[in-house]
Protein backbone atom coordinates (compact mmCIF):
# COMPACT_ATOMS: atom_id res chain seq x y z
CA MET A 1 -1.98 -3.31 18.96
CA GLN A 2 -2.53 -6.07 16.44
CA LEU A 3 -6.29 -6.32 16.59
CA TYR A 4 -6.44 -8.84 13.74
CA LYS A 5 -5.06 -11.62 15.95
CA GLU A 6 -8.31 -12.23 17.79
CA TYR A 7 -10.04 -12.97 14.47
CA LEU A 8 -7.60 -15.80 13.61
CA ASP A 9 -7.12 -19.28 15.04
CA MET A 10 -3.38 -18.70 14.74
CA TRP A 11 -1.26 -16.02 13.10
CA ASP A 12 2.44 -16.90 13.36
CA PHE A 13 3.17 -19.29 10.50
CA GLY A 14 6.49 -20.98 9.80
CA SER A 15 5.99 -21.82 6.14
CA TYR A 16 3.55 -21.48 3.25
CA GLU A 17 2.37 -25.03 3.91
CA ASP A 18 1.70 -24.16 7.56
CA TYR A 19 -0.16 -21.01 6.45
CA LEU A 20 -2.21 -22.90 3.85
CA LYS A 21 -3.22 -25.58 6.34
CA ASN A 22 -3.88 -23.52 9.47
CA PHE A 23 -5.02 -20.01 8.46
CA ARG A 24 -8.59 -19.68 9.73
CA ILE A 25 -10.71 -16.57 10.23
CA ILE A 26 -12.93 -16.47 13.31
CA ALA A 27 -16.19 -14.74 12.40
CA PRO A 28 -18.19 -13.41 15.37
CA GLU A 29 -21.96 -13.09 15.06
CA HIS A 30 -23.30 -9.72 13.92
CA PHE A 31 -19.84 -8.50 12.94
CA ASN A 32 -19.78 -4.82 12.02
CA PHE A 33 -16.40 -3.37 11.12
CA ALA A 34 -17.33 0.18 12.12
CA PHE A 35 -18.36 -0.77 15.65
CA ASP A 36 -16.14 -3.79 16.27
CA VAL A 37 -12.92 -2.44 14.82
CA LEU A 38 -13.02 1.35 14.33
CA ASP A 39 -14.84 2.20 17.56
CA ARG A 40 -12.81 -0.30 19.53
CA LEU A 41 -9.56 1.19 18.20
CA ALA A 42 -10.92 4.63 19.09
CA SER A 43 -11.60 3.44 22.62
CA GLU A 44 -8.38 1.52 23.24
CA THR A 45 -5.89 3.62 21.23
CA PRO A 46 -7.70 6.97 20.76
CA ASP A 47 -4.55 8.89 19.82
CA ALA A 48 -3.20 6.36 17.33
CA ARG A 49 -3.04 7.67 13.77
CA ALA A 50 -5.66 6.24 11.42
CA LEU A 51 -5.38 8.43 8.32
CA GLU A 52 -2.76 10.76 6.88
CA TRP A 53 -4.04 12.96 4.03
CA CYS A 54 -2.52 15.53 1.70
CA ASN A 55 -2.94 16.92 -1.80
CA PRO A 56 -0.67 18.50 -4.45
CA GLU A 57 -1.80 21.98 -3.37
CA GLY A 58 -0.02 21.55 -0.04
CA GLU A 59 -3.08 20.96 2.14
CA GLN A 60 -2.69 18.21 4.70
CA ALA A 61 -4.50 16.68 7.64
CA SER A 62 -4.01 13.84 10.09
CA PHE A 63 -6.81 11.88 11.81
CA THR A 64 -6.69 9.54 14.80
CA PHE A 65 -9.00 6.58 15.22
CA SER A 66 -10.89 8.68 17.74
CA ASP A 67 -11.31 11.44 15.14
CA ILE A 68 -12.69 9.07 12.52
CA SER A 69 -15.04 7.46 15.04
CA ARG A 70 -16.50 10.80 16.10
CA LEU A 71 -16.82 12.07 12.54
CA SER A 72 -18.50 8.83 11.45
CA ASN A 73 -21.01 9.19 14.30
CA LYS A 74 -21.87 12.70 13.13
CA ALA A 75 -22.20 11.46 9.55
CA ALA A 76 -24.39 8.54 10.66
CA ASN A 77 -26.73 10.93 12.45
CA MET A 78 -26.77 13.16 9.37
CA PHE A 79 -27.61 10.27 7.04
CA LYS A 80 -30.44 9.10 9.31
CA ALA A 81 -31.88 12.59 9.61
CA ASN A 82 -31.97 12.77 5.82
CA GLY A 83 -33.89 9.53 5.40
CA ILE A 84 -31.13 6.94 5.01
CA GLY A 85 -31.72 3.71 6.88
CA LYS A 86 -30.85 0.01 6.84
CA ASN A 87 -30.39 -1.44 3.33
CA ASP A 88 -30.62 1.96 1.61
CA ALA A 89 -27.95 2.44 -1.06
CA VAL A 90 -25.73 5.53 -0.92
CA MET A 91 -23.22 6.29 -3.66
CA LEU A 92 -19.90 7.76 -2.47
CA VAL A 93 -18.04 9.69 -5.16
CA LEU A 94 -15.18 11.18 -3.15
CA LYS A 95 -11.94 10.67 -5.10
CA ARG A 96 -9.28 10.43 -2.37
CA HIS A 97 -10.92 13.03 -0.10
CA HIS A 98 -10.60 12.28 3.63
CA GLU A 99 -14.39 12.54 3.97
CA PHE A 100 -14.66 9.07 2.42
CA TRP A 101 -13.53 7.30 5.60
CA PRO A 102 -16.11 8.72 8.06
CA CYS A 103 -18.82 8.41 5.40
CA ILE A 104 -18.30 4.71 4.68
CA MET A 105 -17.98 3.95 8.40
CA ALA A 106 -21.24 5.85 9.03
CA LEU A 107 -23.06 3.79 6.42
CA HIS A 108 -21.76 0.59 8.01
CA LYS A 109 -23.05 1.78 11.39
CA ILE A 110 -26.61 2.34 10.18
CA GLY A 111 -26.69 -0.81 8.06
CA ALA A 112 -26.92 1.05 4.77
CA ILE A 113 -25.21 -0.12 1.57
CA ALA A 114 -22.15 1.84 0.49
CA VAL A 115 -21.70 2.14 -3.27
CA PRO A 116 -18.25 3.66 -3.97
CA ALA A 117 -17.86 5.07 -7.48
CA THR A 118 -15.43 7.17 -9.48
CA HIS A 119 -15.83 10.88 -10.25
CA LEU A 120 -15.07 10.12 -13.92
CA LEU A 121 -18.60 8.84 -14.51
CA THR A 122 -20.70 10.50 -17.20
CA ALA A 123 -24.38 11.38 -16.80
CA LYS A 124 -25.29 8.15 -18.62
CA ASP A 125 -23.15 6.12 -16.20
CA ILE A 126 -24.76 7.81 -13.20
CA VAL A 127 -28.32 7.21 -14.45
CA TYR A 128 -27.54 3.53 -15.01
CA ARG A 129 -26.07 3.11 -11.53
CA CYS A 130 -28.84 5.00 -9.76
CA ASP A 131 -31.60 3.04 -11.47
CA ALA A 132 -29.87 -0.34 -11.29
CA ALA A 133 -28.89 -0.11 -7.59
CA ASP A 134 -31.83 2.00 -6.30
CA ILE A 135 -29.48 4.75 -5.15
CA LYS A 136 -31.20 6.91 -2.54
CA MET A 137 -28.42 9.48 -1.99
CA ILE A 138 -25.18 10.58 -3.64
CA VAL A 139 -22.36 12.12 -1.62
CA GLY A 140 -20.17 13.65 -4.27
CA THR A 141 -17.12 15.80 -4.86
CA MET A 142 -17.47 19.26 -6.31
CA GLU A 143 -14.09 18.93 -7.96
CA ALA A 144 -13.78 18.18 -11.70
CA SER A 145 -17.05 17.86 -13.65
CA PHE A 146 -18.85 15.27 -11.56
CA ALA A 147 -21.47 17.70 -10.16
CA GLU A 148 -22.51 18.88 -13.62
CA GLN A 149 -22.87 15.29 -14.83
CA CYS A 150 -24.77 14.38 -11.67
CA ASP A 151 -27.29 17.22 -12.13
CA ILE A 152 -27.96 16.10 -15.69
CA ALA A 153 -28.37 12.51 -14.49
CA ALA A 154 -30.65 13.33 -11.52
CA ALA A 155 -33.30 14.69 -13.87
CA LYS A 156 -33.30 11.42 -15.84
CA CYS A 157 -33.28 8.89 -12.97
CA LYS A 158 -36.42 6.92 -12.12
CA TYR A 159 -36.15 8.26 -8.58
CA ALA A 160 -33.98 11.34 -8.13
CA PRO A 161 -31.46 10.74 -5.33
CA ALA A 162 -30.74 13.27 -2.60
CA LEU A 163 -27.47 15.10 -3.28
CA VAL A 164 -24.78 16.04 -0.77
CA SER A 165 -21.78 18.12 -1.85
CA VAL A 166 -18.20 17.73 -0.57
CA ARG A 167 -15.51 20.37 -1.14
CA GLY A 168 -17.90 23.08 -2.30
CA ARG A 169 -21.48 24.24 -2.47
CA ARG A 170 -24.00 23.82 -5.26
CA SER A 171 -27.62 24.77 -5.75
CA GLY A 172 -29.94 21.87 -4.98
CA TRP A 173 -27.27 20.04 -2.97
CA LEU A 174 -26.89 19.79 0.79
CA ASN A 175 -23.40 20.73 1.96
CA TYR A 176 -21.62 17.95 3.83
CA ASP A 177 -19.68 20.13 6.27
CA GLU A 178 -22.72 22.23 7.13
CA GLU A 179 -24.88 19.17 7.59
CA ILE A 180 -22.63 17.12 9.90
CA ALA A 181 -21.99 20.22 12.02
CA LYS A 182 -25.65 20.01 13.08
CA TYR A 183 -25.38 16.56 14.62
CA SER A 184 -24.00 14.87 17.72
CA ASP A 185 -20.74 12.93 17.66
CA GLN A 186 -22.40 10.18 19.71
CA PHE A 187 -24.14 7.27 17.98
CA THR A 188 -25.49 4.20 19.74
CA ARG A 189 -25.65 0.85 17.99
CA GLU A 190 -29.27 -0.01 17.47
CA LEU A 191 -31.20 -3.27 17.49
CA PRO A 192 -31.69 -5.39 15.50
CA TYR A 193 -27.99 -5.84 14.84
CA ASN A 194 -26.88 -6.65 11.31
CA ASP A 195 -26.52 -10.25 10.21
CA ASN A 196 -23.19 -11.33 8.78
CA ASP A 197 -24.70 -11.99 5.36
CA ASP A 198 -26.32 -8.55 5.06
CA THR A 199 -25.11 -6.59 2.05
CA GLN A 200 -22.66 -3.90 3.13
CA LEU A 201 -20.90 -2.94 -0.11
CA LEU A 202 -21.92 -2.79 -3.75
CA TYR A 203 -19.36 -2.32 -6.51
CA PHE A 204 -19.96 -1.76 -10.20
CA THR A 205 -17.19 -3.62 -11.99
CA SER A 206 -15.27 -1.81 -14.73
CA GLY A 207 -15.77 -4.44 -17.38
CA THR A 208 -14.33 -4.13 -20.87
CA THR A 209 -17.62 -5.15 -22.49
CA GLY A 210 -21.30 -4.73 -21.62
CA MET A 211 -22.81 -2.82 -18.74
CA PRO A 212 -21.04 -3.09 -15.38
CA LYS A 213 -22.03 -5.90 -13.05
CA MET A 214 -23.09 -5.09 -9.48
CA VAL A 215 -20.95 -7.06 -7.02
CA MET A 216 -22.45 -7.53 -3.54
CA HIS A 217 -20.23 -7.99 -0.47
CA ASP A 218 -21.44 -8.93 3.01
CA CYS A 219 -20.46 -7.72 6.48
CA LEU A 220 -17.66 -10.32 6.83
CA PHE A 221 -15.86 -9.05 3.73
CA PRO A 222 -13.53 -6.79 5.79
CA LEU A 223 -12.16 -9.80 7.70
CA GLY A 224 -11.10 -11.33 4.39
CA HIS A 225 -8.58 -8.50 4.12
CA ILE A 226 -6.56 -9.53 7.17
CA GLN A 227 -4.68 -11.62 4.65
CA THR A 228 -4.39 -8.67 2.24
CA ALA A 229 -2.79 -6.32 4.74
CA VAL A 230 -0.84 -8.62 7.05
CA TYR A 231 0.35 -11.48 4.83
CA TRP A 232 0.66 -9.66 1.50
CA HIS A 233 1.19 -5.92 2.05
CA GLY A 234 3.21 -6.59 5.20
CA CYS A 235 1.45 -3.85 7.19
CA ILE A 236 2.71 -3.33 10.71
CA ASP A 237 1.25 -1.93 13.91
CA GLY A 238 1.92 1.81 13.84
CA GLY A 239 2.96 1.77 10.17
CA LEU A 240 1.72 3.89 7.28
CA HIS A 241 0.37 2.13 4.20
CA LEU A 242 -0.19 3.71 0.79
CA THR A 243 -2.22 1.99 -1.91
CA VAL A 244 -2.56 3.97 -5.13
CA SER A 245 -6.27 3.78 -5.75
CA GLU A 246 -9.13 6.21 -5.92
CA THR A 247 -11.85 5.39 -3.38
CA GLY A 248 -14.27 4.56 -6.19
CA TRP A 249 -12.54 1.26 -6.89
CA ALA A 250 -12.73 -2.01 -4.96
CA LYS A 251 -8.94 -1.94 -4.61
CA SER A 252 -9.37 1.02 -2.27
CA VAL A 253 -10.98 -0.96 0.56
CA TRP A 254 -8.35 -3.64 -0.07
CA GLY A 255 -5.56 -1.17 0.59
CA LYS A 256 -6.98 1.95 2.20
CA LEU A 257 -9.20 0.65 4.96
CA TYR A 258 -10.15 -2.76 6.30
CA GLY A 259 -7.03 -4.88 6.60
CA GLN A 260 -4.76 -1.95 7.36
CA TRP A 261 -6.81 -0.84 10.37
CA LEU A 262 -7.19 -4.43 11.57
CA ALA A 263 -3.38 -4.57 11.59
CA GLY A 264 -3.12 -1.26 13.48
CA SER A 265 -1.57 0.51 10.48
CA ALA A 266 -2.53 4.01 9.41
CA VAL A 267 -3.59 4.73 5.84
CA MET A 268 -1.93 7.30 3.58
CA ALA A 269 -4.19 9.16 1.12
CA TYR A 270 -2.55 11.35 -1.50
CA ASP A 271 -5.45 13.23 -3.09
CA PHE A 272 -4.11 13.85 -6.60
CA GLU A 273 -5.92 14.22 -9.90
CA LYS A 274 -3.12 13.60 -12.40
CA PHE A 275 -0.49 10.92 -11.79
CA ILE A 276 2.97 12.53 -11.79
CA PRO A 277 5.59 9.90 -10.89
CA ASP A 278 8.00 12.30 -9.17
CA ASP A 279 5.22 13.74 -6.99
CA LEU A 280 4.10 10.33 -5.76
CA LEU A 281 7.68 9.23 -5.10
CA ARG A 282 8.22 12.40 -3.07
CA ILE A 283 5.13 11.66 -0.95
CA ILE A 284 6.33 8.10 -0.23
CA ALA A 285 9.67 9.46 0.98
CA GLU A 286 8.53 12.59 2.84
CA LYS A 287 5.58 10.99 4.65
CA GLY A 288 7.57 7.94 5.72
CA VAL A 289 5.38 5.35 4.02
CA THR A 290 6.26 1.90 5.36
CA THR A 291 4.33 -0.30 2.92
CA PHE A 292 3.32 0.56 -0.64
CA CYS A 293 1.06 -1.01 -3.26
CA ALA A 294 0.38 0.07 -6.83
CA PRO A 295 -0.53 -1.47 -10.18
CA PRO A 296 2.33 -2.40 -12.50
CA THR A 297 1.62 0.71 -14.61
CA VAL A 298 2.83 2.93 -11.74
CA TYR A 299 6.06 0.96 -11.35
CA ARG A 300 6.59 1.12 -15.13
CA PHE A 301 6.68 4.89 -14.86
CA PHE A 302 8.67 4.88 -11.60
CA ILE A 303 11.58 3.02 -13.17
CA GLN A 304 11.86 5.77 -15.79
CA GLN A 305 12.71 8.28 -13.01
CA ASP A 306 15.88 9.09 -11.07
CA LEU A 307 15.08 7.13 -7.89
CA SER A 308 18.34 8.10 -6.21
CA LYS A 309 16.70 11.43 -5.25
CA TYR A 310 14.37 9.79 -2.74
CA ASP A 311 14.89 8.51 0.78
CA PHE A 312 13.09 5.17 1.10
CA ARG A 313 14.61 4.19 4.45
CA LYS A 314 11.21 3.75 6.14
CA LEU A 315 9.80 1.69 3.29
CA THR A 316 9.79 -2.04 4.08
CA LYS A 317 7.55 -3.78 1.51
CA CYS A 318 6.32 -3.12 -2.04
CA THR A 319 3.45 -4.99 -3.66
CA THR A 320 1.50 -4.88 -6.91
CA ALA A 321 -1.87 -5.95 -8.32
CA GLY A 322 -4.53 -4.91 -10.79
CA GLU A 323 -2.94 -6.37 -13.91
CA PRO A 324 -0.13 -8.85 -14.63
CA LEU A 325 3.39 -7.79 -13.66
CA ASN A 326 6.00 -7.97 -16.40
CA PRO A 327 9.24 -9.59 -15.14
CA GLU A 328 11.28 -6.75 -16.61
CA VAL A 329 9.49 -4.25 -14.35
CA PHE A 330 10.12 -6.51 -11.34
CA ASN A 331 13.82 -6.82 -12.14
CA LYS A 332 14.37 -3.14 -12.82
CA TRP A 333 12.55 -2.00 -9.64
CA LYS A 334 14.60 -4.45 -7.56
CA GLU A 335 17.81 -3.30 -9.22
CA MET A 336 17.03 0.37 -8.55
CA THR A 337 15.57 0.11 -5.01
CA GLY A 338 16.40 -3.30 -3.57
CA PHE A 339 12.71 -4.11 -3.11
CA GLU A 340 11.09 -7.18 -4.58
CA LEU A 341 7.51 -6.82 -5.77
CA ARG A 342 5.04 -9.33 -4.37
CA GLU A 343 2.19 -9.95 -6.78
CA ILE A 344 -1.27 -11.40 -6.22
CA PHE A 345 -4.34 -12.29 -8.25
CA GLY A 346 -7.82 -11.25 -7.20
CA GLN A 347 -11.04 -9.77 -8.51
CA THR A 348 -13.73 -7.34 -7.37
CA GLU A 349 -15.70 -10.49 -6.52
CA LEU A 350 -12.91 -11.89 -4.31
CA CYS A 351 -10.06 -11.04 -1.95
CA VAL A 352 -6.48 -12.26 -2.44
CA THR A 353 -6.98 -15.49 -4.38
CA LEU A 354 -3.43 -16.29 -5.44
CA GLY A 355 -0.40 -14.64 -3.92
CA THR A 356 3.30 -14.52 -3.23
CA PHE A 357 3.28 -14.76 0.56
CA PRO A 358 6.15 -14.05 3.01
CA TRP A 359 7.54 -17.59 3.22
CA MET A 360 7.68 -18.12 -0.53
CA LYS A 361 10.40 -17.62 -3.09
CA ILE A 362 9.35 -14.89 -5.53
CA CYS A 363 9.21 -16.00 -9.15
CA PRO A 364 9.04 -12.79 -11.25
CA GLY A 365 5.97 -12.87 -13.46
CA SER A 366 4.15 -15.45 -11.34
CA MET A 367 1.02 -14.66 -9.34
CA GLY A 368 2.16 -17.06 -6.63
CA LYS A 369 0.21 -19.88 -5.04
CA PRO A 370 -3.38 -20.30 -3.75
CA SER A 371 -4.58 -18.35 -0.76
CA PRO A 372 -5.74 -20.39 2.24
CA GLN A 373 -9.09 -18.58 2.05
CA PHE A 374 -9.99 -20.15 -1.29
CA ASP A 375 -9.95 -23.62 -2.85
CA VAL A 376 -8.32 -22.67 -6.17
CA ASP A 377 -7.71 -24.83 -9.24
CA ILE A 378 -7.06 -24.61 -12.97
CA ILE A 379 -9.54 -26.57 -15.09
CA ASP A 380 -9.98 -27.42 -18.76
CA GLU A 381 -13.13 -26.97 -20.84
CA ASP A 382 -14.53 -30.25 -19.49
CA GLY A 383 -14.05 -29.20 -15.87
CA ASN A 384 -11.04 -31.44 -15.25
CA SER A 385 -8.05 -30.22 -13.23
CA CYS A 386 -5.16 -29.33 -15.56
CA GLN A 387 -1.76 -30.92 -15.34
CA PRO A 388 1.31 -28.69 -14.80
CA GLY A 389 2.11 -26.62 -17.87
CA VAL A 390 -1.41 -26.87 -19.35
CA VAL A 391 -3.37 -23.64 -19.77
CA GLY A 392 -6.85 -23.59 -18.26
CA GLU A 393 -9.27 -21.37 -16.37
CA ILE A 394 -8.70 -20.24 -12.78
CA VAL A 395 -11.68 -21.32 -10.65
CA VAL A 396 -12.67 -21.20 -6.99
CA LYS A 397 -14.43 -24.27 -5.60
CA THR A 398 -17.16 -23.50 -3.07
CA ARG A 399 -18.96 -26.80 -2.57
CA ARG A 400 -18.25 -26.78 1.18
CA ASN A 401 -19.17 -23.15 1.91
CA LYS A 402 -18.87 -19.55 0.70
CA PRO A 403 -15.43 -18.38 1.81
CA ILE A 404 -15.11 -15.20 3.87
CA GLY A 405 -14.10 -12.46 1.47
CA MET A 406 -16.05 -13.80 -1.50
CA PHE A 407 -18.97 -11.91 -2.99
CA LYS A 408 -22.62 -12.87 -2.44
CA GLY A 409 -23.57 -12.61 -6.09
CA TYR A 410 -24.60 -9.96 -8.58
CA PHE A 411 -27.30 -7.58 -7.32
CA LYS A 412 -30.76 -8.35 -8.76
CA ASP A 413 -29.28 -10.73 -11.32
CA PRO A 414 -29.34 -14.39 -10.26
CA GLU A 415 -28.98 -15.51 -13.87
CA MET A 416 -25.73 -13.58 -14.30
CA THR A 417 -24.53 -14.97 -10.99
CA LYS A 418 -25.37 -18.50 -12.11
CA GLY A 419 -23.51 -17.87 -15.37
CA VAL A 420 -20.18 -17.71 -13.51
CA TRP A 421 -20.97 -19.47 -10.22
CA ASN A 422 -22.75 -22.79 -10.45
CA ASP A 423 -22.45 -26.37 -9.18
CA GLY A 424 -20.12 -25.17 -6.43
CA VAL A 425 -17.58 -23.64 -8.81
CA TYR A 426 -16.90 -19.94 -9.42
CA HIS A 427 -15.39 -19.22 -12.83
CA THR A 428 -13.01 -16.26 -12.93
CA LEU A 429 -12.80 -16.30 -16.77
CA ASP A 430 -9.03 -15.78 -16.40
CA LEU A 431 -6.59 -18.23 -18.00
CA ALA A 432 -3.36 -19.39 -16.43
CA TRP A 433 -1.08 -22.39 -16.09
CA ARG A 434 0.52 -23.97 -13.06
CA ASP A 435 4.12 -25.11 -12.89
CA GLU A 436 5.41 -28.27 -11.17
CA TRP A 437 6.13 -26.32 -7.96
CA GLY A 438 2.54 -25.05 -7.70
CA TYR A 439 3.13 -21.47 -8.90
CA TYR A 440 0.43 -19.94 -11.13
CA TRP A 441 1.32 -17.98 -14.29
CA TYR A 442 -1.16 -15.64 -15.92
CA VAL A 443 -2.01 -15.99 -19.62
CA SER A 444 -4.99 -13.72 -20.36
CA ARG A 445 -8.69 -13.19 -20.03
CA ALA A 446 -10.49 -16.03 -21.77
CA ASP A 447 -11.62 -13.79 -24.63
CA ASP A 448 -8.12 -12.30 -25.16
CA VAL A 449 -6.38 -15.47 -26.36
CA ILE A 450 -5.00 -15.20 -29.91
CA LYS A 451 -5.36 -18.21 -32.22
CA SER A 452 -2.87 -17.96 -35.08
CA SER A 453 -1.98 -20.78 -37.50
CA GLY A 454 -3.13 -23.35 -34.94
CA TYR A 455 -1.15 -21.81 -32.08
CA ARG A 456 -2.78 -20.36 -28.94
CA ILE A 457 -0.92 -17.22 -27.88
CA GLY A 458 -1.47 -15.40 -24.59
CA PRO A 459 -1.05 -11.60 -24.85
CA PHE A 460 0.79 -11.28 -21.54
CA GLU A 461 3.89 -13.27 -22.51
CA VAL A 462 4.34 -11.21 -25.70
CA GLU A 463 3.81 -7.99 -23.74
CA SER A 464 6.41 -9.11 -21.20
CA ALA A 465 8.92 -9.81 -23.96
CA LEU A 466 8.40 -6.34 -25.43
CA MET A 467 8.66 -4.70 -22.01
CA GLU A 468 12.24 -5.93 -21.77
CA HIS A 469 13.18 -3.59 -24.60
CA PRO A 470 14.18 -0.09 -23.39
CA ALA A 471 12.08 1.59 -26.08
CA VAL A 472 8.79 0.28 -24.64
CA VAL A 473 6.93 1.95 -21.76
CA GLU A 474 3.53 0.29 -22.28
CA THR A 475 2.11 -2.15 -24.77
CA ALA A 476 -1.07 -4.07 -25.50
CA ILE A 477 -1.15 -7.25 -27.56
CA THR A 478 -4.30 -8.01 -29.58
CA ALA A 479 -5.43 -10.23 -32.45
CA VAL A 480 -6.02 -8.91 -35.97
CA PRO A 481 -7.99 -11.02 -38.50
CA ASP A 482 -5.83 -12.60 -41.19
CA PRO A 483 -7.10 -14.56 -44.25
CA VAL A 484 -4.26 -17.09 -44.09
CA ARG A 485 -3.45 -17.49 -40.38
CA GLY A 486 -6.91 -16.75 -38.98
CA GLN A 487 -5.42 -14.17 -36.64
CA VAL A 488 -2.04 -12.48 -36.30
CA VAL A 489 -0.44 -10.79 -33.31
CA LYS A 490 -0.51 -7.00 -33.16
CA ALA A 491 1.41 -4.83 -30.68
CA THR A 492 0.21 -1.33 -29.86
CA ILE A 493 3.12 0.44 -28.19
CA VAL A 494 3.80 3.60 -26.19
CA LEU A 495 7.46 4.53 -26.63
CA ALA A 496 9.86 5.73 -23.96
CA GLN A 497 11.36 9.19 -24.12
CA GLY A 498 14.15 9.44 -26.67
CA TYR A 499 12.65 6.93 -29.12
CA GLU A 500 10.83 7.79 -32.34
CA PRO A 501 8.54 5.56 -34.44
CA SER A 502 10.24 4.02 -37.47
CA ASP A 503 10.21 0.91 -39.61
CA ALA A 504 13.67 0.11 -38.33
CA LEU A 505 12.45 0.19 -34.72
CA LYS A 506 9.49 -2.06 -35.62
CA LYS A 507 11.91 -4.61 -37.08
CA GLU A 508 14.14 -4.35 -34.03
CA LEU A 509 11.21 -4.99 -31.68
CA GLN A 510 10.00 -7.94 -33.74
CA ASN A 511 13.44 -9.53 -33.65
CA HIS A 512 13.65 -8.87 -29.92
CA VAL A 513 10.44 -10.84 -29.31
CA LYS A 514 11.64 -13.70 -31.53
CA GLN A 515 14.80 -13.95 -29.43
CA THR A 516 13.00 -13.60 -26.10
CA THR A 517 10.09 -16.01 -26.53
CA ALA A 518 8.88 -18.56 -29.10
CA PRO A 519 9.39 -17.00 -32.54
CA TYR A 520 5.82 -17.72 -33.71
CA LYS A 521 4.54 -15.30 -31.07
CA TYR A 522 6.21 -12.21 -32.47
CA PRO A 523 3.95 -9.26 -33.44
CA ARG A 524 3.58 -9.16 -37.21
CA ILE A 525 1.90 -5.77 -36.90
CA ILE A 526 3.19 -2.91 -34.73
CA GLU A 527 1.49 0.44 -34.17
CA PHE A 528 3.00 3.27 -32.14
CA VAL A 529 0.58 5.48 -30.15
CA ASP A 530 0.83 8.27 -27.59
CA GLU A 531 -1.37 6.42 -25.08
CA LEU A 532 -3.37 3.22 -24.74
CA PRO A 533 -7.14 3.22 -24.26
CA LYS A 534 -8.06 2.25 -20.71
CA THR A 535 -11.10 1.66 -18.56
CA ILE A 536 -11.86 4.32 -15.98
CA SER A 537 -10.16 2.03 -13.45
CA GLY A 538 -6.94 2.19 -15.49
CA LYS A 539 -6.94 -1.27 -17.13
CA ILE A 540 -6.00 -1.48 -20.80
CA ARG A 541 -9.06 -1.83 -23.06
CA ARG A 542 -7.89 -4.43 -25.54
CA VAL A 543 -11.48 -4.78 -26.73
CA GLU A 544 -11.37 -1.16 -27.94
CA LEU A 545 -8.17 -1.83 -29.85
CA ARG A 546 -9.71 -4.93 -31.46
CA GLN A 547 -12.86 -3.05 -32.43
CA ARG A 548 -10.82 -0.22 -33.96
CA ASP A 549 -8.80 -2.69 -36.03
CA LEU A 550 -11.99 -4.38 -37.25
CA ARG A 551 -13.43 -1.04 -38.35
CA GLN A 552 -10.22 -0.23 -40.23
CA SER A 553 -10.20 -3.62 -41.95
CA ASP A 554 -13.82 -3.10 -43.11
CA ASN A 555 -12.97 0.23 -44.75
């Protein structure tokens, strides 16, 4: 049952041009994903699989749409009994636990605001989030050290949130399983119904500088992900989709919930703590995953494995997002598996903004072309549209209306919102260029561009050149101050197994870049490290590398 079709004017497109011109989302009044999609699926296809879950310890469980509906009703009754109502913010810190799905659906049903977050937060992080977003309750995992950090934080918050434990018991916390057992699995939708522009989700972005921003999404946001699941992931009715994301990140509802269920596809949740490539590959094969999405980092490690050991016969599509995809990773994955990787560009504030859609030729390294949901352009510093080949900033034009799938703004911060979204233009702060065929090519974040001897150098193209060398598993390109050139290019590199740091290898890598891209872009400085610093969402923290280099240069 392809439920998504009733929310589109048309759905069977013959070309990208047809898709761009005619894709339209139909938004009913008072849309509520939990009632209008989950409960309807539970009524019409009660035995259809909604969620497949397992962990490295061998535990596993399978849930139908009927199961999730009933469990979400019990959770909704539990939340209400414990003082949670419309517009109250509840933080969900549930890793990849299956309890996440009934909990977020329950919050949608009562009109509360779900605030997914990662279990890697420190006490300081938790205090900031609770005070900034007026968190009234935290539903949190007892695994890892989150509970200890949460107890420290609760004593420092302006208003201590209620605490509910999942996967264990703890003094001062209500136990989730014990609590929902008390309540009925029936829940009636109450008046007044939600408005479409009510805030439903709040995400703290994992920025590389400053305190995280609070991104607000409305009740129509789930419909924006029809495009994500159907026209990018390639989800199918009765399929099983796996997106590698913890539920604390925005990418999780992109790939573990809304669009997949709208397409009638079940979601696969592998509840791991440490990423072990062979384990994840085994899950894809043994569980019969049909569509798979992961950041390029995962594929970089996959192509280091013996992929011939795994049966991928049920797998039909592979996609990637989260950071730019190096062409070498694309080519190697295709060579080893036969699957092409379809890349997109998006942000926590948006849905799929640029993408490689089904009717398009894939250009390895390109983010594709604009989504029909958004009016996308590349502009220069004066706001003029850039000609092909000219680097500028990716923007979304919103003079006509706010597109479905776009954020409402930053919570309690209209000035910050205005700083990136004004005069009908949303500034992504990401730089790219467009070729003569309309494909977009990523360059860098605006503050990552390197200016050396009058040249402007984007880190991504140098990283891609290095990634073609078999010695390189991961790399980050940054600028280092230089008295003559202003800045010079530095490469911080994680080596593949079998390679050892040496001056000879540095010279070899420098020559490789000179031969692969414009010679002036080669890294004059190379440092080998065991791992790269990353945000808690897994993105490379180039700002930390830059700051470390500045400290070293001052000493």
